[in-house]
Amino acid sequence: MKDKFLSTEHYIAYNQLENDYKNFIVHYDDYYNSESGSENFEKQKLICIKYLESAIAQKAILLIDSKSDYDKLFNLKFN
């Protein structure tokens, strides 16, 4: 599988991106189902932000457009 990537860096970025999205989905579900303003709500929100920021960094390495991730990140941070 590694031979389809441009470099080892791209291979690692792809795997990290995949893991970031899996973790984001799990924590976003917890965030979405938590009571607004609760301790768990804020904790899950921060975790989601961390995974989105990481996904954006991995997409930059892979030269993938990340506008939708920036939009979601903005909404999490400021809403």
PDB file of N, CA and C in Angstrom:
ATOM      1  N   MET A   1       0.828  -1.196   0.000  1.00  0.00           N
ATOM      2  CA  MET A   1       0.000   0.000   0.000  1.00  0.00           C
ATOM      3  C   MET A   1       0.866   1.251   0.000  1.00  0.00           C
ATOM      4  N   LYS A   2       2.011   1.200   0.664  1.00  0.00           N
ATOM      5  CA  LYS A   2       2.866   2.366   0.780  1.00  0.00           C
ATOM      6  C   LYS A   2       3.351   2.865  -0.583  1.00  0.00           C
ATOM      7  N   ASP A   3       3.475   1.989  -1.574  1.00  0.00           N
ATOM      8  CA  ASP A   3       4.017   2.375  -2.869  1.00  0.00           C
ATOM      9  C   ASP A   3       3.118   3.347  -3.646  1.00  0.00           C
ATOM     10  N   LYS A   4       1.862   3.494  -3.271  1.00  0.00           N
ATOM     11  CA  LYS A   4       0.981   4.443  -3.977  1.00  0.00           C
ATOM     12  C   LYS A   4       1.124   5.874  -3.466  1.00  0.00           C
ATOM     13  N   PHE A   5       1.913   6.087  -2.427  1.00  0.00           N
ATOM     14  CA  PHE A   5       2.129   7.415  -1.861  1.00  0.00           C
ATOM     15  C   PHE A   5       3.433   8.010  -2.380  1.00  0.00           C
ATOM     16  N   LEU A   6       3.504   9.331  -2.391  1.00  0.00           N
ATOM     17  CA  LEU A   6       4.688  10.015  -2.904  1.00  0.00           C
ATOM     18  C   LEU A   6       5.910   9.830  -2.011  1.00  0.00           C
ATOM     19  N   SER A   7       5.671   9.740  -0.720  1.00  0.00           N
ATOM     20  CA  SER A   7       6.784   9.615   0.215  1.00  0.00           C
ATOM     21  C   SER A   7       6.287   8.994   1.514  1.00  0.00           C
ATOM     22  N   THR A   8       7.229   8.708   2.365  1.00  0.00           N
ATOM     23  CA  THR A   8       6.881   8.198   3.690  1.00  0.00           C
ATOM     24  C   THR A   8       6.057   9.229   4.455  1.00  0.00           C
ATOM     25  N   GLU A   9       6.389  10.508   4.268  1.00  0.00           N
ATOM     26  CA  GLU A   9       5.642  11.584   4.934  1.00  0.00           C
ATOM     27  C   GLU A   9       4.172  11.570   4.514  1.00  0.00           C
ATOM     28  N   HIS A  10       3.916  11.351   3.230  1.00  0.00           N
ATOM     29  CA  HIS A  10       2.537  11.278   2.747  1.00  0.00           C
ATOM     30  C   HIS A  10       1.814  10.063   3.317  1.00  0.00           C
ATOM     31  N   TYR A  11       2.502   8.961   3.413  1.00  0.00           N
ATOM     32  CA  TYR A  11       1.926   7.738   3.980  1.00  0.00           C
ATOM     33  C   TYR A  11       1.524   7.964   5.441  1.00  0.00           C
ATOM     34  N   ILE A  12       2.426   8.562   6.197  1.00  0.00           N
ATOM     35  CA  ILE A  12       2.153   8.834   7.615  1.00  0.00           C
ATOM     36  C   ILE A  12       1.010   9.847   7.751  1.00  0.00           C
ATOM     37  N   ALA A  13       1.024  10.889   6.920  1.00  0.00           N
ATOM     38  CA  ALA A  13      -0.032  11.906   6.978  1.00  0.00           C
ATOM     39  C   ALA A  13      -1.392  11.300   6.650  1.00  0.00           C
ATOM     40  N   TYR A  14      -1.432  10.415   5.671  1.00  0.00           N
ATOM     41  CA  TYR A  14      -2.691   9.758   5.298  1.00  0.00           C
ATOM     42  C   TYR A  14      -3.230   8.926   6.459  1.00  0.00           C
ATOM     43  N   ASN A  15      -2.361   8.137   7.074  1.00  0.00           N
ATOM     44  CA  ASN A  15      -2.792   7.314   8.216  1.00  0.00           C
ATOM     45  C   ASN A  15      -3.233   8.171   9.396  1.00  0.00           C
ATOM     46  N   GLN A  16      -2.502   9.246   9.658  1.00  0.00           N
ATOM     47  CA  GLN A  16      -2.874  10.138  10.755  1.00  0.00           C
ATOM     48  C   GLN A  16      -4.199  10.825  10.473  1.00  0.00           C
ATOM     49  N   LEU A  17      -4.417  11.233   9.228  1.00  0.00           N
ATOM     50  CA  LEU A  17      -5.672  11.872   8.848  1.00  0.00           C
ATOM     51  C   LEU A  17      -6.849  10.924   9.064  1.00  0.00           C
ATOM     52  N   GLU A  18      -6.672   9.694   8.662  1.00  0.00           N
ATOM     53  CA  GLU A  18      -7.719   8.686   8.854  1.00  0.00           C
ATOM     54  C   GLU A  18      -8.037   8.500  10.335  1.00  0.00           C
ATOM     55  N   ASN A  19      -7.002   8.420  11.161  1.00  0.00           N
ATOM     56  CA  ASN A  19      -7.211   8.260  12.608  1.00  0.00           C
ATOM     57  C   ASN A  19      -7.822   9.505  13.236  1.00  0.00           C
ATOM     58  N   ASP A  20      -7.416  10.680  12.774  1.00  0.00           N
ATOM     59  CA  ASP A  20      -7.990  11.927  13.298  1.00  0.00           C
ATOM     60  C   ASP A  20      -9.494  11.981  13.044  1.00  0.00           C
ATOM     61  N   TYR A  21      -9.911  11.605  11.843  1.00  0.00           N
ATOM     62  CA  TYR A  21     -11.345  11.636  11.529  1.00  0.00           C
ATOM     63  C   TYR A  21     -12.126  10.596  12.333  1.00  0.00           C
ATOM     64  N   LYS A  22     -11.556   9.419  12.516  1.00  0.00           N
ATOM     65  CA  LYS A  22     -12.239   8.402  13.331  1.00  0.00           C
ATOM     66  C   LYS A  22     -12.430   8.911  14.755  1.00  0.00           C
ATOM     67  N   ASN A  23     -11.374   9.466  15.328  1.00  0.00           N
ATOM     68  CA  ASN A  23     -11.461   9.986  16.694  1.00  0.00           C
ATOM     69  C   ASN A  23     -12.389  11.191  16.781  1.00  0.00           C
ATOM     70  N   PHE A  24     -12.343  12.053  15.780  1.00  0.00           N
ATOM     71  CA  PHE A  24     -13.227  13.217  15.755  1.00  0.00           C
ATOM     72  C   PHE A  24     -14.690  12.783  15.789  1.00  0.00           C
ATOM     73  N   ILE A  25     -15.041  11.799  14.990  1.00  0.00           N
ATOM     74  CA  ILE A  25     -16.428  11.329  14.927  1.00  0.00           C
ATOM     75  C   ILE A  25     -16.897  10.821  16.284  1.00  0.00           C
ATOM     76  N   VAL A  26     -16.062  10.047  16.951  1.00  0.00           N
ATOM     77  CA  VAL A  26     -16.422   9.513  18.268  1.00  0.00           C
ATOM     78  C   VAL A  26     -16.639  10.636  19.270  1.00  0.00           C
ATOM     79  N   HIS A  27     -15.710  11.576  19.314  1.00  0.00           N
ATOM     80  CA  HIS A  27     -15.806  12.655  20.293  1.00  0.00           C
ATOM     81  C   HIS A  27     -16.878  13.675  19.921  1.00  0.00           C
ATOM     82  N   TYR A  28     -17.108  13.868  18.627  1.00  0.00           N
ATOM     83  CA  TYR A  28     -18.162  14.794  18.218  1.00  0.00           C
ATOM     84  C   TYR A  28     -19.530  14.257  18.631  1.00  0.00           C
ATOM     85  N   ASP A  29     -19.698  12.958  18.558  1.00  0.00           N
ATOM     86  CA  ASP A  29     -20.948  12.350  19.010  1.00  0.00           C
ATOM     87  C   ASP A  29     -21.157  12.610  20.500  1.00  0.00           C
ATOM     88  N   ASP A  30     -20.097  12.448  21.295  1.00  0.00           N
ATOM     89  CA  ASP A  30     -20.190  12.742  22.733  1.00  0.00           C
ATOM     90  C   ASP A  30     -20.463  14.228  22.963  1.00  0.00           C
ATOM     91  N   TYR A  31     -19.794  15.080  22.204  1.00  0.00           N
ATOM     92  CA  TYR A  31     -20.004  16.531  22.310  1.00  0.00           C
ATOM     93  C   TYR A  31     -21.448  16.886  21.975  1.00  0.00           C
ATOM     94  N   TYR A  32     -21.940  16.342  20.885  1.00  0.00           N
ATOM     95  CA  TYR A  32     -23.286  16.645  20.408  1.00  0.00           C
ATOM     96  C   TYR A  32     -24.351  16.180  21.406  1.00  0.00           C
ATOM     97  N   ASN A  33     -24.104  15.065  22.085  1.00  0.00           N
ATOM     98  CA  ASN A  33     -25.088  14.501  23.011  1.00  0.00           C
ATOM     99  C   ASN A  33     -24.915  14.982  24.451  1.00  0.00           C
ATOM    100  N   SER A  34     -23.917  15.814  24.717  1.00  0.00           N
ATOM    101  CA  SER A  34     -23.716  16.351  26.067  1.00  0.00           C
ATOM    102  C   SER A  34     -24.571  17.600  26.259  1.00  0.00           C
ATOM    103  N   GLU A  35     -24.891  17.851  27.502  1.00  0.00           N
ATOM    104  CA  GLU A  35     -25.668  19.048  27.832  1.00  0.00           C
ATOM    105  C   GLU A  35     -24.787  20.282  27.652  1.00  0.00           C
ATOM    106  N   SER A  36     -25.290  21.268  26.928  1.00  0.00           N
ATOM    107  CA  SER A  36     -24.539  22.488  26.652  1.00  0.00           C
ATOM    108  C   SER A  36     -24.095  23.142  27.955  1.00  0.00           C
ATOM    109  N   GLY A  37     -22.810  23.499  28.004  1.00  0.00           N
ATOM    110  CA  GLY A  37     -22.267  24.151  29.189  1.00  0.00           C
ATOM    111  C   GLY A  37     -21.734  23.200  30.250  1.00  0.00           C
ATOM    112  N   SER A  38     -21.989  21.913  30.108  1.00  0.00           N
ATOM    113  CA  SER A  38     -21.492  20.959  31.109  1.00  0.00           C
ATOM    114  C   SER A  38     -19.989  20.751  30.947  1.00  0.00           C
ATOM    115  N   GLU A  39     -19.381  20.165  31.950  1.00  0.00           N
ATOM    116  CA  GLU A  39     -17.945  19.903  31.913  1.00  0.00           C
ATOM    117  C   GLU A  39     -17.589  18.958  30.760  1.00  0.00           C
ATOM    118  N   ASN A  40     -18.386  17.920  30.545  1.00  0.00           N
ATOM    119  CA  ASN A  40     -18.130  16.976  29.465  1.00  0.00           C
ATOM    120  C   ASN A  40     -18.287  17.649  28.101  1.00  0.00           C
ATOM    121  N   PHE A  41     -19.250  18.546  27.977  1.00  0.00           N
ATOM    122  CA  PHE A  41     -19.478  19.280  26.735  1.00  0.00           C
ATOM    123  C   PHE A  41     -18.217  20.063  26.346  1.00  0.00           C
ATOM    124  N   GLU A  42     -17.676  20.797  27.312  1.00  0.00           N
ATOM    125  CA  GLU A  42     -16.479  21.602  27.048  1.00  0.00           C
ATOM    126  C   GLU A  42     -15.266  20.717  26.766  1.00  0.00           C
ATOM    127  N   LYS A  43     -15.136  19.621  27.503  1.00  0.00           N
ATOM    128  CA  LYS A  43     -14.016  18.698  27.297  1.00  0.00           C
ATOM    129  C   LYS A  43     -14.065  18.090  25.896  1.00  0.00           C
ATOM    130  N   GLN A  44     -15.229  17.618  25.490  1.00  0.00           N
ATOM    131  CA  GLN A  44     -15.378  17.005  24.172  1.00  0.00           C
ATOM    132  C   GLN A  44     -15.168  18.044  23.062  1.00  0.00           C
ATOM    133  N   LYS A  45     -15.593  19.264  23.311  1.00  0.00           N
ATOM    134  CA  LYS A  45     -15.409  20.345  22.342  1.00  0.00           C
ATOM    135  C   LYS A  45     -13.916  20.589  22.109  1.00  0.00           C
ATOM    136  N   LEU A  46     -13.134  20.656  23.170  1.00  0.00           N
ATOM    137  CA  LEU A  46     -11.689  20.867  23.049  1.00  0.00           C
ATOM    138  C   LEU A  46     -11.007  19.702  22.335  1.00  0.00           C
ATOM    139  N   ILE A  47     -11.450  18.498  22.621  1.00  0.00           N
ATOM    140  CA  ILE A  47     -10.888  17.322  21.953  1.00  0.00           C
ATOM    141  C   ILE A  47     -11.208  17.354  20.461  1.00  0.00           C
ATOM    142  N   CYS A  48     -12.433  17.718  20.118  1.00  0.00           N
ATOM    143  CA  CYS A  48     -12.823  17.835  18.705  1.00  0.00           C
ATOM    144  C   CYS A  48     -11.971  18.876  17.987  1.00  0.00           C
ATOM    145  N   ILE A  49     -11.738  19.999  18.641  1.00  0.00           N
ATOM    146  CA  ILE A  49     -10.907  21.052  18.057  1.00  0.00           C
ATOM    147  C   ILE A  49      -9.502  20.522  17.796  1.00  0.00           C
ATOM    148  N   LYS A  50      -8.956  19.782  18.757  1.00  0.00           N
ATOM    149  CA  LYS A  50      -7.611  19.224  18.604  1.00  0.00           C
ATOM    150  C   LYS A  50      -7.533  18.300  17.387  1.00  0.00           C
ATOM    151  N   TYR A  51      -8.525  17.413  17.235  1.00  0.00           N
ATOM    152  CA  TYR A  51      -8.503  16.488  16.105  1.00  0.00           C
ATOM    153  C   TYR A  51      -8.712  17.201  14.773  1.00  0.00           C
ATOM    154  N   LEU A  52      -9.541  18.225  14.746  1.00  0.00           N
ATOM    155  CA  LEU A  52      -9.731  18.983  13.503  1.00  0.00           C
ATOM    156  C   LEU A  52      -8.464  19.739  13.120  1.00  0.00           C
ATOM    157  N   GLU A  53      -7.801  20.329  14.096  1.00  0.00           N
ATOM    158  CA  GLU A  53      -6.549  21.031  13.804  1.00  0.00           C
ATOM    159  C   GLU A  53      -5.505  20.071  13.259  1.00  0.00           C
ATOM    160  N   SER A  54      -5.446  18.880  13.818  1.00  0.00           N
ATOM    161  CA  SER A  54      -4.516  17.877  13.324  1.00  0.00           C
ATOM    162  C   SER A  54      -4.885  17.430  11.904  1.00  0.00           C
ATOM    163  N   ALA A  55      -6.168  17.242  11.645  1.00  0.00           N
ATOM    164  CA  ALA A  55      -6.616  16.840  10.310  1.00  0.00           C
ATOM    165  C   ALA A  55      -6.270  17.908   9.273  1.00  0.00           C
ATOM    166  N   ILE A  56      -6.426  19.176   9.650  1.00  0.00           N
ATOM    167  CA  ILE A  56      -6.081  20.268   8.739  1.00  0.00           C
ATOM    168  C   ILE A  56      -4.583  20.246   8.425  1.00  0.00           C
ATOM    169  N   ALA A  57      -3.760  19.997   9.435  1.00  0.00           N
ATOM    170  CA  ALA A  57      -2.309  19.923   9.220  1.00  0.00           C
ATOM    171  C   ALA A  57      -1.956  18.758   8.294  1.00  0.00           C
ATOM    172  N   GLN A  58      -2.613  17.612   8.478  1.00  0.00           N
ATOM    173  CA  GLN A  58      -2.336  16.452   7.620  1.00  0.00           C
ATOM    174  C   GLN A  58      -2.799  16.714   6.191  1.00  0.00           C
ATOM    175  N   LYS A  59      -3.927  17.394   6.036  1.00  0.00           N
ATOM    176  CA  LYS A  59      -4.415  17.725   4.695  1.00  0.00           C
ATOM    177  C   LYS A  59      -3.457  18.685   3.983  1.00  0.00           C
ATOM    178  N   ALA A  60      -2.828  19.569   4.735  1.00  0.00           N
ATOM    179  CA  ALA A  60      -1.851  20.480   4.127  1.00  0.00           C
ATOM    180  C   ALA A  60      -0.672  19.696   3.559  1.00  0.00           C
ATOM    181  N   ILE A  61      -0.226  18.685   4.276  1.00  0.00           N
ATOM    182  CA  ILE A  61       0.859  17.837   3.792  1.00  0.00           C
ATOM    183  C   ILE A  61       0.438  17.106   2.524  1.00  0.00           C
ATOM    184  N   LEU A  62      -0.806  16.641   2.506  1.00  0.00           N
ATOM    185  CA  LEU A  62      -1.313  15.871   1.370  1.00  0.00           C
ATOM    186  C   LEU A  62      -1.870  16.747   0.241  1.00  0.00           C
ATOM    187  N   LEU A  63      -1.833  18.064   0.440  1.00  0.00           N
ATOM    188  CA  LEU A  63      -2.345  19.035  -0.539  1.00  0.00           C
ATOM    189  C   LEU A  63      -3.819  18.817  -0.851  1.00  0.00           C
ATOM    190  N   ILE A  64      -4.609  18.578   0.200  1.00  0.00           N
ATOM    191  CA  ILE A  64      -6.052  18.387   0.093  1.00  0.00           C
ATOM    192  C   ILE A  64      -6.740  19.634   0.630  1.00  0.00           C
ATOM    193  N   ASP A  65      -7.766  20.106  -0.074  1.00  0.00           N
ATOM    194  CA  ASP A  65      -8.524  21.275   0.366  1.00  0.00           C
ATOM    195  C   ASP A  65      -9.176  20.995   1.715  1.00  0.00           C
ATOM    196  N   SER A  66      -9.045  21.930   2.635  1.00  0.00           N
ATOM    197  CA  SER A  66      -9.584  21.722   3.983  1.00  0.00           C
ATOM    198  C   SER A  66     -10.574  22.810   4.387  1.00  0.00           C
ATOM    199  N   LYS A  67     -11.216  23.459   3.418  1.00  0.00           N
ATOM    200  CA  LYS A  67     -12.159  24.530   3.726  1.00  0.00           C
ATOM    201  C   LYS A  67     -13.279  24.068   4.648  1.00  0.00           C
ATOM    202  N   SER A  68     -13.835  22.895   4.388  1.00  0.00           N
ATOM    203  CA  SER A  68     -14.933  22.408   5.231  1.00  0.00           C
ATOM    204  C   SER A  68     -14.465  22.173   6.665  1.00  0.00           C
ATOM    205  N   ASP A  69     -13.217  21.728   6.830  1.00  0.00           N
ATOM    206  CA  ASP A  69     -12.677  21.535   8.174  1.00  0.00           C
ATOM    207  C   ASP A  69     -12.481  22.876   8.874  1.00  0.00           C
ATOM    208  N   TYR A  70     -12.016  23.888   8.129  1.00  0.00           N
ATOM    209  CA  TYR A  70     -11.874  25.216   8.720  1.00  0.00           C
ATOM    210  C   TYR A  70     -13.229  25.759   9.169  1.00  0.00           C
ATOM    211  N   ASP A  71     -14.250  25.541   8.365  1.00  0.00           N
ATOM    212  CA  ASP A  71     -15.594  26.002   8.726  1.00  0.00           C
ATOM    213  C   ASP A  71     -16.079  25.327  10.004  1.00  0.00           C
ATOM    214  N   LYS A  72     -15.911  24.013  10.085  1.00  0.00           N
ATOM    215  CA  LYS A  72     -16.329  23.265  11.278  1.00  0.00           C
ATOM    216  C   LYS A  72     -15.514  23.722  12.496  1.00  0.00           C
ATOM    217  N   LEU A  73     -14.207  23.922  12.309  1.00  0.00           N
ATOM    218  CA  LEU A  73     -13.347  24.374  13.397  1.00  0.00           C
ATOM    219  C   LEU A  73     -13.781  25.753  13.895  1.00  0.00           C
ATOM    220  N   PHE A  74     -14.087  26.659  12.988  1.00  0.00           N
ATOM    221  CA  PHE A  74     -14.560  27.991  13.365  1.00  0.00           C
ATOM    222  C   PHE A  74     -15.839  27.888  14.183  1.00  0.00           C
ATOM    223  N   ASN A  75     -16.767  27.063  13.721  1.00  0.00           N
ATOM    224  CA  ASN A  75     -18.037  26.899  14.434  1.00  0.00           C
ATOM    225  C   ASN A  75     -17.844  26.330  15.832  1.00  0.00           C
ATOM    226  N   LEU A  76     -16.925  25.372  15.976  1.00  0.00           N
ATOM    227  CA  LEU A  76     -16.654  24.802  17.297  1.00  0.00           C
ATOM    228  C   LEU A  76     -16.018  25.824  18.224  1.00  0.00           C
ATOM    229  N   LYS A  77     -15.087  26.596  17.698  1.00  0.00           N
ATOM    230  CA  LYS A  77     -14.372  27.543  18.546  1.00  0.00           C
ATOM    231  C   LYS A  77     -15.210  28.744  18.959  1.00  0.00           C
ATOM    232  N   PHE A  78     -16.075  29.219  18.056  1.00  0.00           N
ATOM    233  CA  PHE A  78     -16.722  30.500  18.308  1.00  0.00           C
ATOM    234  C   PHE A  78     -18.238  30.435  18.476  1.00  0.00           C
ATOM    235  N   ASN A  79     -18.796  29.246  18.498  1.00  0.00           N
ATOM    236  CA  ASN A  79     -20.249  29.140  18.707  1.00  0.00           C
ATOM    237  C   ASN A  79     -20.564  28.308  19.910  1.00  0.00           C
TER     238      ASN A  79
END
